[in-house]
């Protein structure tokens, strides 16, 4: 049973990392970041978004697909218009990962700072002798 739980945990962890990879891939492109920033103000049609980026609709749809695969954006077609919307929790996984990494690096830098202070104190003590 423990082996089964470990396997499930590893699979869930791999799935989480794959999701983060897709999110960061989506965020690596300026056009997609601009789309996310625009959609933070509310839903918009693909046509309006493409027009803002001076891009052919077919080219722009590739960006929308990347954002959908990473689950940052959802879209739905109503009649002839495809509307896009930012998912409210879209960046939570990336934000959580960044925060976790920030804590790790702060702890490492705190330990380095303490080590440097210890070395400096030893140098001062040796210099006085």
Protein backbone atom coordinates (compact mmCIF):
# COMPACT_ATOMS: atom_id res chain seq x y z
CA UNK A 1 0.00 0.00 0.00
CA UNK A 2 2.83 2.43 0.85
CA UNK A 3 4.45 1.67 -2.51
CA UNK A 4 1.17 2.50 -4.24
CA UNK A 5 0.93 5.84 -2.40
CA UNK A 6 4.54 6.69 -3.30
CA UNK A 7 3.82 5.95 -6.95
CA UNK A 8 0.69 8.11 -6.89
CA UNK A 9 2.64 10.93 -5.22
CA UNK A 10 5.41 10.72 -7.86
CA UNK A 11 2.88 10.73 -10.69
CA UNK A 12 1.04 13.69 -9.19
CA UNK A 13 4.36 15.50 -8.74
CA UNK A 14 5.38 14.81 -12.35
CA UNK A 15 2.00 16.01 -13.55
CA UNK A 16 2.37 19.18 -11.47
CA UNK A 17 5.84 19.83 -12.91
CA UNK A 18 4.57 19.25 -16.46
CA UNK A 19 1.81 21.79 -15.79
CA UNK A 20 4.39 24.29 -14.50
CA UNK A 21 6.49 23.72 -17.62
CA UNK A 22 3.48 24.55 -19.80
CA UNK A 23 2.68 27.65 -17.74
CA UNK A 24 6.23 28.98 -17.92
CA UNK A 25 6.40 28.16 -21.63
CA UNK A 26 3.24 30.22 -22.11
CA UNK A 27 4.70 33.09 -20.12
CA UNK A 28 7.95 33.04 -22.10
CA UNK A 29 6.37 34.85 -25.04
CA UNK A 30 5.65 38.58 -24.95
CA UNK A 31 2.48 38.30 -27.02
CA UNK A 32 1.02 35.72 -24.65
CA UNK A 33 2.00 37.79 -21.59
CA UNK A 34 0.25 40.79 -23.18
CA UNK A 35 -2.86 38.67 -23.81
CA UNK A 36 -2.89 37.58 -20.17
CA UNK A 37 -2.50 41.19 -19.03
CA UNK A 38 -5.35 42.25 -21.30
CA UNK A 39 -7.61 39.42 -20.14
CA UNK A 40 -6.96 40.38 -16.51
CA UNK A 41 -9.35 43.27 -17.23
CA UNK A 42 -12.05 40.92 -18.49
CA UNK A 43 -12.99 38.64 -21.40
CA UNK A 44 -12.19 39.65 -24.96
CA UNK A 45 -12.79 38.22 -28.40
CA UNK A 46 -9.94 36.54 -30.27
CA UNK A 47 -10.48 39.02 -33.09
CA UNK A 48 -10.04 42.03 -30.78
CA UNK A 49 -6.96 40.49 -29.17
CA UNK A 50 -5.38 39.62 -32.53
CA UNK A 51 -6.04 43.10 -33.86
CA UNK A 52 -4.22 44.65 -30.88
CA UNK A 53 -1.16 42.60 -31.75
CA UNK A 54 -1.23 43.34 -35.49
CA UNK A 55 -1.18 39.67 -36.27
CA UNK A 56 -3.10 37.44 -38.66
CA UNK A 57 -5.88 35.56 -36.92
CA UNK A 58 -4.41 32.15 -37.82
CA UNK A 59 -1.05 33.10 -36.30
CA UNK A 60 -2.70 34.55 -33.23
CA UNK A 61 -4.78 31.40 -32.69
CA UNK A 62 -1.54 29.48 -32.09
CA UNK A 63 -0.89 31.74 -29.10
CA UNK A 64 -4.42 31.16 -27.82
CA UNK A 65 -3.97 27.39 -28.12
CA UNK A 66 -0.74 27.52 -26.09
CA UNK A 67 -2.53 29.54 -23.40
CA UNK A 68 -5.42 27.05 -23.38
CA UNK A 69 -3.12 24.00 -23.15
CA UNK A 70 -1.37 25.57 -20.17
CA UNK A 71 -4.84 26.20 -18.68
CA UNK A 72 -4.20 29.92 -18.27
CA UNK A 73 -7.03 30.87 -20.61
CA UNK A 74 -10.33 29.35 -21.62
CA UNK A 75 -12.23 30.16 -24.76
CA UNK A 76 -15.71 29.46 -26.00
CA UNK A 77 -17.39 30.11 -29.29
CA UNK A 78 -20.68 31.94 -29.31
CA UNK A 79 -22.01 32.18 -32.83
CA UNK A 80 -19.12 33.39 -34.97
CA UNK A 81 -17.17 34.96 -32.11
CA UNK A 82 -14.64 33.13 -29.95
CA UNK A 83 -14.35 34.76 -26.53
CA UNK A 84 -11.31 34.29 -24.30
CA UNK A 85 -11.21 34.56 -20.55
CA UNK A 86 -8.38 34.34 -18.04
CA UNK A 87 -8.85 31.55 -15.51
CA UNK A 88 -9.06 33.08 -12.03
CA UNK A 89 -6.60 30.58 -10.53
CA UNK A 90 -4.44 30.50 -13.65
CA UNK A 91 -1.14 31.60 -12.17
CA UNK A 92 -1.57 30.04 -8.71
CA UNK A 93 0.70 27.07 -9.45
CA UNK A 94 3.46 29.29 -10.83
CA UNK A 95 3.07 31.75 -7.97
CA UNK A 96 3.28 28.94 -5.43
CA UNK A 97 6.42 27.50 -7.05
CA UNK A 98 8.08 30.93 -7.21
CA UNK A 99 7.25 31.58 -3.54
CA UNK A 100 8.67 28.20 -2.51
CA UNK A 101 11.87 28.88 -4.47
CA UNK A 102 12.11 32.37 -2.95
CA UNK A 103 11.99 30.89 0.57
CA UNK A 104 14.68 28.33 -0.31
CA UNK A 105 17.00 31.00 -1.71
CA UNK A 106 16.39 33.37 1.21
CA UNK A 107 17.33 30.59 3.63
CA UNK A 108 20.48 29.82 1.62
CA UNK A 109 21.47 33.48 1.52
CA UNK A 110 20.84 33.80 5.27
CA UNK A 111 23.17 30.82 5.88
CA UNK A 112 25.79 32.34 3.56
CA UNK A 113 25.53 35.67 5.37
CA UNK A 114 25.99 33.93 8.74
CA UNK A 115 29.02 32.04 7.38
CA UNK A 116 30.60 35.26 6.06
CA UNK A 117 30.02 36.94 9.43
CA UNK A 118 31.68 33.98 11.18
CA UNK A 119 34.71 34.24 8.88
CA UNK A 120 34.93 37.99 9.42
CA UNK A 121 34.75 37.51 13.20
CA UNK A 122 37.56 34.91 13.02
CA UNK A 123 39.69 37.28 10.94
CA UNK A 124 39.13 40.07 13.46
CA UNK A 125 40.04 37.72 16.34
CA UNK A 126 43.19 36.52 14.53
CA UNK A 127 44.17 40.08 13.69
CA UNK A 128 44.04 41.12 17.36
CA UNK A 129 46.27 38.29 18.51
